[in-house]
Amino acid sequence: MRIALAVAVLAVVNALNNRLAPELYVPVCLAGAAALVMIARWDGLTWADLGLGRASVGRGLRWGLILTAVVLVGYFLAFAAPPTRGMFLDERASGLSVGELLFRGRCHVVEGVSA
């Protein structure tokens, strides 16, 4: 039953993000992740089983920072190279804060995929 519930959560999150409310992508994903963690805990998994135990926090943070740095370096190199710099120029982004830019960029990607 718990597997069916997890699949149902994923189906609802997918439908909301791709069809019904793509503008609510971030809160829907956070709620979905919380629901999946609750289902896993209900199934008897520990925080350590989920990779969220005290022993694995430091390692997870280090890997998160390393991988974030790799992605940022990739973006920086693509922006610095003249052949790919034009891909970063978009008038729709002028005047937006970084948070608005990231959120709207994700919503446009979702709309483009589901169209």
PDB file of N, CA and C in Angstrom:
ATOM      1  N   MET A   1       0.814  -1.194   0.000  1.00  0.00           N
ATOM      2  CA  MET A   1       0.000   0.000   0.000  1.00  0.00           C
ATOM      3  C   MET A   1       0.867   1.271   0.000  1.00  0.00           C
ATOM      4  N   ARG A   2       1.984   1.207   0.717  1.00  0.00           N
ATOM      5  CA  ARG A   2       2.837   2.397   0.782  1.00  0.00           C
ATOM      6  C   ARG A   2       3.466   2.712  -0.568  1.00  0.00           C
ATOM      7  N   ILE A   3       3.782   1.677  -1.331  1.00  0.00           N
ATOM      8  CA  ILE A   3       4.336   1.901  -2.667  1.00  0.00           C
ATOM      9  C   ILE A   3       3.289   2.570  -3.550  1.00  0.00           C
ATOM     10  N   ALA A   4       2.066   2.112  -3.479  1.00  0.00           N
ATOM     11  CA  ALA A   4       0.985   2.724  -4.261  1.00  0.00           C
ATOM     12  C   ALA A   4       0.787   4.177  -3.856  1.00  0.00           C
ATOM     13  N   LEU A   5       0.900   4.449  -2.562  1.00  0.00           N
ATOM     14  CA  LEU A   5       0.766   5.827  -2.087  1.00  0.00           C
ATOM     15  C   LEU A   5       1.909   6.697  -2.609  1.00  0.00           C
ATOM     16  N   ALA A   6       3.129   6.167  -2.605  1.00  0.00           N
ATOM     17  CA  ALA A   6       4.275   6.924  -3.128  1.00  0.00           C
ATOM     18  C   ALA A   6       4.099   7.200  -4.621  1.00  0.00           C
ATOM     19  N   VAL A   7       3.640   6.214  -5.369  1.00  0.00           N
ATOM     20  CA  VAL A   7       3.403   6.409  -6.805  1.00  0.00           C
ATOM     21  C   VAL A   7       2.308   7.447  -7.017  1.00  0.00           C
ATOM     22  N   ALA A   8       1.281   7.423  -6.178  1.00  0.00           N
ATOM     23  CA  ALA A   8       0.203   8.413  -6.285  1.00  0.00           C
ATOM     24  C   ALA A   8       0.727   9.824  -6.017  1.00  0.00           C
ATOM     25  N   VAL A   9       1.594   9.969  -5.015  1.00  0.00           N
ATOM     26  CA  VAL A   9       2.192  11.285  -4.728  1.00  0.00           C
ATOM     27  C   VAL A   9       2.977  11.766  -5.940  1.00  0.00           C
ATOM     28  N   LEU A  10       3.775  10.889  -6.527  1.00  0.00           N
ATOM     29  CA  LEU A  10       4.562  11.266  -7.701  1.00  0.00           C
ATOM     30  C   LEU A  10       3.669  11.645  -8.886  1.00  0.00           C
ATOM     31  N   ALA A  11       2.579  10.929  -9.064  1.00  0.00           N
ATOM     32  CA  ALA A  11       1.652  11.240 -10.157  1.00  0.00           C
ATOM     33  C   ALA A  11       0.991  12.598  -9.952  1.00  0.00           C
ATOM     34  N   VAL A  12       0.593  12.892  -8.721  1.00  0.00           N
ATOM     35  CA  VAL A  12      -0.034  14.186  -8.429  1.00  0.00           C
ATOM     36  C   VAL A  12       0.976  15.316  -8.631  1.00  0.00           C
ATOM     37  N   VAL A  13       2.191  15.138  -8.131  1.00  0.00           N
ATOM     38  CA  VAL A  13       3.228  16.167  -8.307  1.00  0.00           C
ATOM     39  C   VAL A  13       3.495  16.391  -9.796  1.00  0.00           C
ATOM     40  N   ASN A  14       3.581  15.328 -10.556  1.00  0.00           N
ATOM     41  CA  ASN A  14       3.818  15.435 -11.995  1.00  0.00           C
ATOM     42  C   ASN A  14       2.675  16.186 -12.683  1.00  0.00           C
ATOM     43  N   ALA A  15       1.453  15.834 -12.357  1.00  0.00           N
ATOM     44  CA  ALA A  15       0.302  16.502 -12.976  1.00  0.00           C
ATOM     45  C   ALA A  15       0.262  17.982 -12.612  1.00  0.00           C
ATOM     46  N   LEU A  16       0.503  18.294 -11.351  1.00  0.00           N
ATOM     47  CA  LEU A  16       0.490  19.701 -10.932  1.00  0.00           C
ATOM     48  C   LEU A  16       1.595  20.496 -11.618  1.00  0.00           C
ATOM     49  N   ASN A  17       2.804  19.934 -11.655  1.00  0.00           N
ATOM     50  CA  ASN A  17       3.935  20.666 -12.226  1.00  0.00           C
ATOM     51  C   ASN A  17       3.859  20.813 -13.735  1.00  0.00           C
ATOM     52  N   ASN A  18       3.301  19.844 -14.423  1.00  0.00           N
ATOM     53  CA  ASN A  18       3.323  19.874 -15.877  1.00  0.00           C
ATOM     54  C   ASN A  18       2.028  20.320 -16.528  1.00  0.00           C
ATOM     55  N   ARG A  19       0.917  20.243 -15.832  1.00  0.00           N
ATOM     56  CA  ARG A  19      -0.358  20.563 -16.464  1.00  0.00           C
ATOM     57  C   ARG A  19      -1.200  21.582 -15.702  1.00  0.00           C
ATOM     58  N   LEU A  20      -1.340  21.391 -14.404  1.00  0.00           N
ATOM     59  CA  LEU A  20      -2.333  22.157 -13.654  1.00  0.00           C
ATOM     60  C   LEU A  20      -1.801  23.454 -13.047  1.00  0.00           C
ATOM     61  N   ALA A  21      -0.593  23.426 -12.495  1.00  0.00           N
ATOM     62  CA  ALA A  21      -0.080  24.617 -11.812  1.00  0.00           C
ATOM     63  C   ALA A  21       1.442  24.706 -11.912  1.00  0.00           C
ATOM     64  N   PRO A  22       1.995  24.860 -13.116  1.00  0.00           N
ATOM     65  CA  PRO A  22       3.460  24.908 -13.237  1.00  0.00           C
ATOM     66  C   PRO A  22       4.079  26.093 -12.499  1.00  0.00           C
ATOM     67  N   GLU A  23       3.302  27.141 -12.260  1.00  0.00           N
ATOM     68  CA  GLU A  23       3.844  28.301 -11.539  1.00  0.00           C
ATOM     69  C   GLU A  23       4.091  27.995 -10.064  1.00  0.00           C
ATOM     70  N   LEU A  24       3.537  26.893  -9.568  1.00  0.00           N
ATOM     71  CA  LEU A  24       3.731  26.492  -8.174  1.00  0.00           C
ATOM     72  C   LEU A  24       4.746  25.359  -8.045  1.00  0.00           C
ATOM     73  N   TYR A  25       5.647  25.273  -8.994  1.00  0.00           N
ATOM     74  CA  TYR A  25       6.613  24.179  -9.068  1.00  0.00           C
ATOM     75  C   TYR A  25       7.368  23.983  -7.753  1.00  0.00           C
ATOM     76  N   VAL A  26       7.928  25.027  -7.201  1.00  0.00           N
ATOM     77  CA  VAL A  26       8.765  24.880  -6.001  1.00  0.00           C
ATOM     78  C   VAL A  26       7.954  24.388  -4.805  1.00  0.00           C
ATOM     79  N   PRO A  27       6.834  25.034  -4.442  1.00  0.00           N
ATOM     80  CA  PRO A  27       6.097  24.517  -3.285  1.00  0.00           C
ATOM     81  C   PRO A  27       5.532  23.108  -3.506  1.00  0.00           C
ATOM     82  N   VAL A  28       5.123  22.804  -4.718  1.00  0.00           N
ATOM     83  CA  VAL A  28       4.606  21.452  -5.001  1.00  0.00           C
ATOM     84  C   VAL A  28       5.707  20.416  -4.811  1.00  0.00           C
ATOM     85  N   CYS A  29       6.911  20.704  -5.305  1.00  0.00           N
ATOM     86  CA  CYS A  29       8.020  19.756  -5.148  1.00  0.00           C
ATOM     87  C   CYS A  29       8.418  19.594  -3.686  1.00  0.00           C
ATOM     88  N   LEU A  30       8.417  20.683  -2.933  1.00  0.00           N
ATOM     89  CA  LEU A  30       8.737  20.586  -1.510  1.00  0.00           C
ATOM     90  C   LEU A  30       7.703  19.750  -0.767  1.00  0.00           C
ATOM     91  N   ALA A  31       6.428  19.979  -1.064  1.00  0.00           N
ATOM     92  CA  ALA A  31       5.364  19.201  -0.423  1.00  0.00           C
ATOM     93  C   ALA A  31       5.452  17.729  -0.832  1.00  0.00           C
ATOM     94  N   GLY A  32       5.736  17.471  -2.095  1.00  0.00           N
ATOM     95  CA  GLY A  32       5.874  16.098  -2.564  1.00  0.00           C
ATOM     96  C   GLY A  32       7.037  15.391  -1.893  1.00  0.00           C
ATOM     97  N   ALA A  33       8.172  16.080  -1.777  1.00  0.00           N
ATOM     98  CA  ALA A  33       9.338  15.484  -1.117  1.00  0.00           C
ATOM     99  C   ALA A  33       9.030  15.190   0.350  1.00  0.00           C
ATOM    100  N   ALA A  34       8.357  16.123   1.021  1.00  0.00           N
ATOM    101  CA  ALA A  34       7.981  15.906   2.420  1.00  0.00           C
ATOM    102  C   ALA A  34       7.044  14.704   2.540  1.00  0.00           C
ATOM    103  N   ALA A  35       6.093  14.595   1.641  1.00  0.00           N
ATOM    104  CA  ALA A  35       5.160  13.464   1.673  1.00  0.00           C
ATOM    105  C   ALA A  35       5.900  12.144   1.464  1.00  0.00           C
ATOM    106  N   LEU A  36       6.853  12.110   0.535  1.00  0.00           N
ATOM    107  CA  LEU A  36       7.606  10.886   0.288  1.00  0.00           C
ATOM    108  C   LEU A  36       8.476  10.503   1.485  1.00  0.00           C
ATOM    109  N   VAL A  37       9.053  11.495   2.152  1.00  0.00           N
ATOM    110  CA  VAL A  37       9.837  11.208   3.358  1.00  0.00           C
ATOM    111  C   VAL A  37       8.926  10.655   4.450  1.00  0.00           C
ATOM    112  N   MET A  38       7.742  11.237   4.597  1.00  0.00           N
ATOM    113  CA  MET A  38       6.797  10.741   5.605  1.00  0.00           C
ATOM    114  C   MET A  38       6.381   9.296   5.304  1.00  0.00           C
ATOM    115  N   ILE A  39       6.157   8.982   4.038  1.00  0.00           N
ATOM    116  CA  ILE A  39       5.808   7.612   3.654  1.00  0.00           C
ATOM    117  C   ILE A  39       6.956   6.664   3.980  1.00  0.00           C
ATOM    118  N   ALA A  40       8.180   7.073   3.687  1.00  0.00           N
ATOM    119  CA  ALA A  40       9.345   6.233   3.968  1.00  0.00           C
ATOM    120  C   ALA A  40       9.504   6.005   5.468  1.00  0.00           C
ATOM    121  N   ARG A  41       9.294   7.044   6.257  1.00  0.00           N
ATOM    122  CA  ARG A  41       9.384   6.907   7.714  1.00  0.00           C
ATOM    123  C   ARG A  41       8.275   5.995   8.235  1.00  0.00           C
ATOM    124  N   TRP A  42       7.066   6.121   7.671  1.00  0.00           N
ATOM    125  CA  TRP A  42       5.936   5.268   8.028  1.00  0.00           C
ATOM    126  C   TRP A  42       6.264   3.807   7.714  1.00  0.00           C
ATOM    127  N   ASP A  43       7.042   3.594   6.673  1.00  0.00           N
ATOM    128  CA  ASP A  43       7.437   2.244   6.272  1.00  0.00           C
ATOM    129  C   ASP A  43       8.551   1.689   7.161  1.00  0.00           C
ATOM    130  N   GLY A  44       9.061   2.483   8.082  1.00  0.00           N
ATOM    131  CA  GLY A  44      10.059   2.001   9.025  1.00  0.00           C
ATOM    132  C   GLY A  44      11.484   2.385   8.714  1.00  0.00           C
ATOM    133  N   LEU A  45      11.711   3.158   7.669  1.00  0.00           N
ATOM    134  CA  LEU A  45      13.079   3.575   7.351  1.00  0.00           C
ATOM    135  C   LEU A  45      13.554   4.625   8.355  1.00  0.00           C
ATOM    136  N   THR A  46      14.833   4.562   8.702  1.00  0.00           N
ATOM    137  CA  THR A  46      15.415   5.544   9.615  1.00  0.00           C
ATOM    138  C   THR A  46      15.945   6.729   8.806  1.00  0.00           C
ATOM    139  N   TRP A  47      16.307   7.791   9.522  1.00  0.00           N
ATOM    140  CA  TRP A  47      16.908   8.949   8.850  1.00  0.00           C
ATOM    141  C   TRP A  47      18.199   8.524   8.159  1.00  0.00           C
ATOM    142  N   ALA A  48      18.966   7.636   8.795  1.00  0.00           N
ATOM    143  CA  ALA A  48      20.214   7.147   8.193  1.00  0.00           C
ATOM    144  C   ALA A  48      19.919   6.350   6.917  1.00  0.00           C
ATOM    145  N   ASP A  49      18.857   5.540   6.932  1.00  0.00           N
ATOM    146  CA  ASP A  49      18.475   4.790   5.736  1.00  0.00           C
ATOM    147  C   ASP A  49      18.176   5.723   4.567  1.00  0.00           C
ATOM    148  N   LEU A  50      17.631   6.877   4.883  1.00  0.00           N
ATOM    149  CA  LEU A  50      17.266   7.852   3.848  1.00  0.00           C
ATOM    150  C   LEU A  50      18.432   8.760   3.458  1.00  0.00           C
ATOM    151  N   GLY A  51      19.591   8.564   4.101  1.00  0.00           N
ATOM    152  CA  GLY A  51      20.747   9.405   3.808  1.00  0.00           C
ATOM    153  C   GLY A  51      20.678  10.754   4.495  1.00  0.00           C
ATOM    154  N   LEU A  52      19.820  10.853   5.516  1.00  0.00           N
ATOM    155  CA  LEU A  52      19.634  12.116   6.219  1.00  0.00           C
ATOM    156  C   LEU A  52      20.100  12.049   7.671  1.00  0.00           C
ATOM    157  N   GLY A  53      20.834  11.001   8.016  1.00  0.00           N
ATOM    158  CA  GLY A  53      21.328  10.849   9.380  1.00  0.00           C
ATOM    159  C   GLY A  53      22.489  11.784   9.665  1.00  0.00           C
ATOM    160  N   ARG A  54      22.774  11.959  10.944  1.00  0.00           N
ATOM    161  CA  ARG A  54      23.857  12.861  11.363  1.00  0.00           C
ATOM    162  C   ARG A  54      25.209  12.470  10.759  1.00  0.00           C
ATOM    163  N   ALA A  55      25.438  11.186  10.598  1.00  0.00           N
ATOM    164  CA  ALA A  55      26.734  10.715  10.092  1.00  0.00           C
ATOM    165  C   ALA A  55      26.960  11.090   8.630  1.00  0.00           C
ATOM    166  N   SER A  56      25.899  11.271   7.874  1.00  0.00           N
ATOM    167  CA  SER A  56      26.061  11.535   6.439  1.00  0.00           C
ATOM    168  C   SER A  56      25.841  12.996   6.049  1.00  0.00           C
ATOM    169  N   VAL A  57      25.485  13.841   6.992  1.00  0.00           N
ATOM    170  CA  VAL A  57      25.208  15.242   6.659  1.00  0.00           C
ATOM    171  C   VAL A  57      26.446  15.951   6.115  1.00  0.00           C
ATOM    172  N   GLY A  58      27.571  15.804   6.785  1.00  0.00           N
ATOM    173  CA  GLY A  58      28.793  16.483   6.346  1.00  0.00           C
ATOM    174  C   GLY A  58      29.222  16.063   4.950  1.00  0.00           C
ATOM    175  N   ARG A  59      29.186  14.767   4.701  1.00  0.00           N
ATOM    176  CA  ARG A  59      29.573  14.260   3.381  1.00  0.00           C
ATOM    177  C   ARG A  59      28.601  14.758   2.310  1.00  0.00           C
ATOM    178  N   GLY A  60      27.315  14.752   2.628  1.00  0.00           N
ATOM    179  CA  GLY A  60      26.317  15.234   1.669  1.00  0.00           C
ATOM    180  C   GLY A  60      26.491  16.711   1.366  1.00  0.00           C
ATOM    181  N   LEU A  61      26.767  17.512   2.387  1.00  0.00           N
ATOM    182  CA  LEU A  61      26.996  18.942   2.164  1.00  0.00           C
ATOM    183  C   LEU A  61      28.241  19.184   1.318  1.00  0.00           C
ATOM    184  N   ARG A  62      29.298  18.418   1.596  1.00  0.00           N
ATOM    185  CA  ARG A  62      30.522  18.571   0.789  1.00  0.00           C
ATOM    186  C   ARG A  62      30.256  18.242  -0.671  1.00  0.00           C
ATOM    187  N   TRP A  63      29.583  17.115  -0.936  1.00  0.00           N
ATOM    188  CA  TRP A  63      29.291  16.744  -2.320  1.00  0.00           C
ATOM    189  C   TRP A  63      28.361  17.757  -2.971  1.00  0.00           C
ATOM    190  N   GLY A  64      27.405  18.257  -2.216  1.00  0.00           N
ATOM    191  CA  GLY A  64      26.511  19.273  -2.765  1.00  0.00           C
ATOM    192  C   GLY A  64      27.265  20.523  -3.181  1.00  0.00           C
ATOM    193  N   LEU A  65      28.190  20.964  -2.340  1.00  0.00           N
ATOM    194  CA  LEU A  65      28.985  22.149  -2.667  1.00  0.00           C
ATOM    195  C   LEU A  65      29.904  21.899  -3.857  1.00  0.00           C
ATOM    196  N   ILE A  66      30.529  20.731  -3.890  1.00  0.00           N
ATOM    197  CA  ILE A  66      31.425  20.408  -5.008  1.00  0.00           C
ATOM    198  C   ILE A  66      30.650  20.382  -6.323  1.00  0.00           C
ATOM    199  N   LEU A  67      29.511  19.719  -6.341  1.00  0.00           N
ATOM    200  CA  LEU A  67      28.738  19.607  -7.580  1.00  0.00           C
ATOM    201  C   LEU A  67      28.130  20.944  -7.985  1.00  0.00           C
ATOM    202  N   THR A  68      27.737  21.754  -7.010  1.00  0.00           N
ATOM    203  CA  THR A  68      27.251  23.096  -7.327  1.00  0.00           C
ATOM    204  C   THR A  68      28.367  23.914  -7.968  1.00  0.00           C
ATOM    205  N   ALA A  69      29.574  23.805  -7.438  1.00  0.00           N
ATOM    206  CA  ALA A  69      30.714  24.521  -8.011  1.00  0.00           C
ATOM    207  C   ALA A  69      30.995  24.062  -9.437  1.00  0.00           C
ATOM    208  N   VAL A  70      30.884  22.768  -9.698  1.00  0.00           N
ATOM    209  CA  VAL A  70      31.109  22.252 -11.050  1.00  0.00           C
ATOM    210  C   VAL A  70      30.095  22.854 -12.027  1.00  0.00           C
ATOM    211  N   VAL A  71      28.836  22.892 -11.621  1.00  0.00           N
ATOM    212  CA  VAL A  71      27.798  23.467 -12.489  1.00  0.00           C
ATOM    213  C   VAL A  71      28.048  24.950 -12.715  1.00  0.00           C
ATOM    214  N   LEU A  72      28.375  25.691 -11.657  1.00  0.00           N
ATOM    215  CA  LEU A  72      28.633  27.128 -11.800  1.00  0.00           C
ATOM    216  C   LEU A  72      29.837  27.402 -12.695  1.00  0.00           C
ATOM    217  N   VAL A  73      30.880  26.610 -12.572  1.00  0.00           N
ATOM    218  CA  VAL A  73      32.047  26.771 -13.448  1.00  0.00           C
ATOM    219  C   VAL A  73      31.645  26.513 -14.899  1.00  0.00           C
ATOM    220  N   GLY A  74      30.813  25.492 -15.114  1.00  0.00           N
ATOM    221  CA  GLY A  74      30.326  25.217 -16.472  1.00  0.00           C
ATOM    222  C   GLY A  74      29.546  26.390 -17.051  1.00  0.00           C
ATOM    223  N   TYR A  75      28.658  26.965 -16.254  1.00  0.00           N
ATOM    224  CA  TYR A  75      27.913  28.143 -16.715  1.00  0.00           C
ATOM    225  C   TYR A  75      28.855  29.315 -16.982  1.00  0.00           C
ATOM    226  N   PHE A  76      29.809  29.531 -16.087  1.00  0.00           N
ATOM    227  CA  PHE A  76      30.750  30.634 -16.273  1.00  0.00           C
ATOM    228  C   PHE A  76      31.546  30.463 -17.564  1.00  0.00           C
ATOM    229  N   LEU A  77      32.031  29.250 -17.811  1.00  0.00           N
ATOM    230  CA  LEU A  77      32.798  29.005 -19.036  1.00  0.00           C
ATOM    231  C   LEU A  77      31.929  29.197 -20.275  1.00  0.00           C
ATOM    232  N   ALA A  78      30.677  28.747 -20.215  1.00  0.00           N
ATOM    233  CA  ALA A  78      29.775  28.927 -21.363  1.00  0.00           C
ATOM    234  C   ALA A  78      29.479  30.402 -21.589  1.00  0.00           C
ATOM    235  N   PHE A  79      29.339  31.174 -20.504  1.00  0.00           N
ATOM    236  CA  PHE A  79      29.075  32.611 -20.637  1.00  0.00           C
ATOM    237  C   PHE A  79      30.316  33.343 -21.141  1.00  0.00           C
ATOM    238  N   ALA A  80      31.487  32.886 -20.745  1.00  0.00           N
ATOM    239  CA  ALA A  80      32.729  33.558 -21.126  1.00  0.00           C
ATOM    240  C   ALA A  80      33.117  33.276 -22.577  1.00  0.00           C
ATOM    241  N   ALA A  81      32.680  32.162 -23.123  1.00  0.00           N
ATOM    242  CA  ALA A  81      33.052  31.801 -24.497  1.00  0.00           C
ATOM    243  C   ALA A  81      32.159  32.553 -25.489  1.00  0.00           C
ATOM    244  N   PRO A  82      32.743  33.302 -26.410  1.00  0.00           N
ATOM    245  CA  PRO A  82      31.938  34.071 -27.365  1.00  0.00           C
ATOM    246  C   PRO A  82      30.906  33.255 -28.156  1.00  0.00           C
ATOM    247  N   PRO A  83      31.192  32.046 -28.577  1.00  0.00           N
ATOM    248  CA  PRO A  83      30.175  31.313 -29.353  1.00  0.00           C
ATOM    249  C   PRO A  83      28.904  30.972 -28.565  1.00  0.00           C
ATOM    250  N   THR A  84      29.017  30.844 -27.244  1.00  0.00           N
ATOM    251  CA  THR A  84      27.846  30.458 -26.450  1.00  0.00           C
ATOM    252  C   THR A  84      27.272  31.604 -25.618  1.00  0.00           C
ATOM    253  N   ARG A  85      27.922  32.758 -25.633  1.00  0.00           N
ATOM    254  CA  ARG A  85      27.463  33.885 -24.806  1.00  0.00           C
ATOM    255  C   ARG A  85      26.052  34.335 -25.183  1.00  0.00           C
ATOM    256  N   GLY A  86      25.716  34.294 -26.449  1.00  0.00           N
ATOM    257  CA  GLY A  86      24.400  34.737 -26.895  1.00  0.00           C
ATOM    258  C   GLY A  86      23.258  33.928 -26.312  1.00  0.00           C
ATOM    259  N   MET A  87      23.527  32.707 -25.899  1.00  0.00           N
ATOM    260  CA  MET A  87      22.475  31.879 -25.307  1.00  0.00           C
ATOM    261  C   MET A  87      22.010  32.429 -23.967  1.00  0.00           C
ATOM    262  N   PHE A  88      22.782  33.319 -23.355  1.00  0.00           N
ATOM    263  CA  PHE A  88      22.442  33.865 -22.050  1.00  0.00           C
ATOM    264  C   PHE A  88      21.699  35.202 -22.159  1.00  0.00           C
ATOM    265  N   LEU A  89      21.585  35.748 -23.351  1.00  0.00           N
ATOM    266  CA  LEU A  89      20.946  37.046 -23.533  1.00  0.00           C
ATOM    267  C   LEU A  89      19.459  36.842 -23.832  1.00  0.00           C
ATOM    268  N   ASP A  90      18.616  37.390 -22.973  1.00  0.00           N
ATOM    269  CA  ASP A  90      17.178  37.249 -23.137  1.00  0.00           C
ATOM    270  C   ASP A  90      16.507  38.466 -22.513  1.00  0.00           C
ATOM    271  N   GLU A  91      15.795  39.242 -23.322  1.00  0.00           N
ATOM    272  CA  GLU A  91      15.155  40.460 -22.833  1.00  0.00           C
ATOM    273  C   GLU A  91      14.096  40.173 -21.780  1.00  0.00           C
ATOM    274  N   ARG A  92      13.516  38.981 -21.781  1.00  0.00           N
ATOM    275  CA  ARG A  92      12.500  38.648 -20.787  1.00  0.00           C
ATOM    276  C   ARG A  92      13.072  38.645 -19.376  1.00  0.00           C
ATOM    277  N   ALA A  93      14.386  38.533 -19.249  1.00  0.00           N
ATOM    278  CA  ALA A  93      15.021  38.453 -17.938  1.00  0.00           C
ATOM    279  C   ALA A  93      15.437  39.819 -17.401  1.00  0.00           C
ATOM    280  N   SER A  94      15.372  40.865 -18.212  1.00  0.00           N
ATOM    281  CA  SER A  94      15.822  42.173 -17.735  1.00  0.00           C
ATOM    282  C   SER A  94      14.896  42.678 -16.634  1.00  0.00           C
ATOM    283  N   GLY A  95      15.485  43.165 -15.573  1.00  0.00           N
ATOM    284  CA  GLY A  95      14.728  43.716 -14.456  1.00  0.00           C
ATOM    285  C   GLY A  95      14.255  42.694 -13.441  1.00  0.00           C
ATOM    286  N   LEU A  96      14.556  41.426 -13.639  1.00  0.00           N
ATOM    287  CA  LEU A  96      14.135  40.403 -12.683  1.00  0.00           C
ATOM    288  C   LEU A  96      15.220  40.173 -11.637  1.00  0.00           C
ATOM    289  N   SER A  97      14.796  39.867 -10.413  1.00  0.00           N
ATOM    290  CA  SER A  97      15.767  39.487  -9.389  1.00  0.00           C
ATOM    291  C   SER A  97      16.270  38.082  -9.705  1.00  0.00           C
ATOM    292  N   VAL A  98      17.314  37.667  -9.025  1.00  0.00           N
ATOM    293  CA  VAL A  98      17.873  36.332  -9.254  1.00  0.00           C
ATOM    294  C   VAL A  98      16.825  35.268  -8.929  1.00  0.00           C
ATOM    295  N   GLY A  99      16.101  35.439  -7.826  1.00  0.00           N
ATOM    296  CA  GLY A  99      15.076  34.475  -7.447  1.00  0.00           C
ATOM    297  C   GLY A  99      13.964  34.383  -8.482  1.00  0.00           C
ATOM    298  N   GLU A 100      13.495  35.543  -8.961  1.00  0.00           N
ATOM    299  CA  GLU A 100      12.453  35.548  -9.990  1.00  0.00           C
ATOM    300  C   GLU A 100      12.959  34.903 -11.277  1.00  0.00           C
ATOM    301  N   LEU A 101      14.190  35.193 -11.623  1.00  0.00           N
ATOM    302  CA  LEU A 101      14.777  34.631 -12.837  1.00  0.00           C
ATOM    303  C   LEU A 101      14.851  33.106 -12.763  1.00  0.00           C
ATOM    304  N   LEU A 102      15.325  32.582 -11.632  1.00  0.00           N
ATOM    305  CA  LEU A 102      15.423  31.136 -11.480  1.00  0.00           C
ATOM    306  C   LEU A 102      14.050  30.486 -11.482  1.00  0.00           C
ATOM    307  N   PHE A 103      13.104  31.080 -10.774  1.00  0.00           N
ATOM    308  CA  PHE A 103      11.762  30.498 -10.701  1.00  0.00           C
ATOM    309  C   PHE A 103      11.063  30.536 -12.053  1.00  0.00           C
ATOM    310  N   ARG A 104      11.116  31.682 -12.736  1.00  0.00           N
ATOM    311  CA  ARG A 104      10.466  31.793 -14.043  1.00  0.00           C
ATOM    312  C   ARG A 104      11.144  30.924 -15.085  1.00  0.00           C
ATOM    313  N   GLY A 105      12.446  30.817 -15.001  1.00  0.00           N
ATOM    314  CA  GLY A 105      13.169  29.951 -15.939  1.00  0.00           C
ATOM    315  C   GLY A 105      12.721  28.515 -15.816  1.00  0.00           C
ATOM    316  N   ARG A 106      12.523  28.057 -14.617  1.00  0.00           N
ATOM    317  CA  ARG A 106      12.052  26.686 -14.408  1.00  0.00           C
ATOM    318  C   ARG A 106      10.626  26.530 -14.938  1.00  0.00           C
ATOM    319  N   CYS A 107       9.772  27.508 -14.704  1.00  0.00           N
ATOM    320  CA  CYS A 107       8.390  27.414 -15.181  1.00  0.00           C
ATOM    321  C   CYS A 107       8.344  27.383 -16.702  1.00  0.00           C
ATOM    322  N   HIS A 108       9.193  28.162 -17.367  1.00  0.00           N
ATOM    323  CA  HIS A 108       9.199  28.163 -18.833  1.00  0.00           C
ATOM    324  C   HIS A 108       9.697  26.828 -19.378  1.00  0.00           C
ATOM    325  N   VAL A 109      10.658  26.221 -18.690  1.00  0.00           N
ATOM    326  CA  VAL A 109      11.150  24.925 -19.134  1.00  0.00           C
ATOM    327  C   VAL A 109      10.029  23.894 -19.033  1.00  0.00           C
ATOM    328  N   VAL A 110       9.299  23.919 -17.921  1.00  0.00           N
ATOM    329  CA  VAL A 110       8.193  22.974 -17.733  1.00  0.00           C
ATOM    330  C   VAL A 110       7.139  23.181 -18.805  1.00  0.00           C
ATOM    331  N   GLU A 111       6.794  24.440 -19.079  1.00  0.00           N
ATOM    332  CA  GLU A 111       5.780  24.711 -20.100  1.00  0.00           C
ATOM    333  C   GLU A 111       6.268  24.253 -21.468  1.00  0.00           C
ATOM    334  N   GLY A 112       7.555  24.448 -21.753  1.00  0.00           N
ATOM    335  CA  GLY A 112       8.092  24.041 -23.059  1.00  0.00           C
ATOM    336  C   GLY A 112       8.089  22.536 -23.229  1.00  0.00           C
ATOM    337  N   VAL A 113       8.355  21.799 -22.175  1.00  0.00           N
ATOM    338  CA  VAL A 113       8.398  20.342 -22.248  1.00  0.00           C
ATOM    339  C   VAL A 113       6.995  19.775 -22.428  1.00  0.00           C
ATOM    340  N   SER A 114       6.037  20.346 -21.716  1.00  0.00           N
ATOM    341  CA  SER A 114       4.691  19.774 -21.738  1.00  0.00           C
ATOM    342  C   SER A 114       3.857  20.247 -22.906  1.00  0.00           C
ATOM    343  N   ALA A 115       4.362  21.198 -23.689  1.00  0.00           N
ATOM    344  CA  ALA A 115       3.580  21.722 -24.809  1.00  0.00           C
ATOM    345  C   ALA A 115       3.542  20.762 -25.965  1.00  0.00           C
TER     346      ALA A 115
END
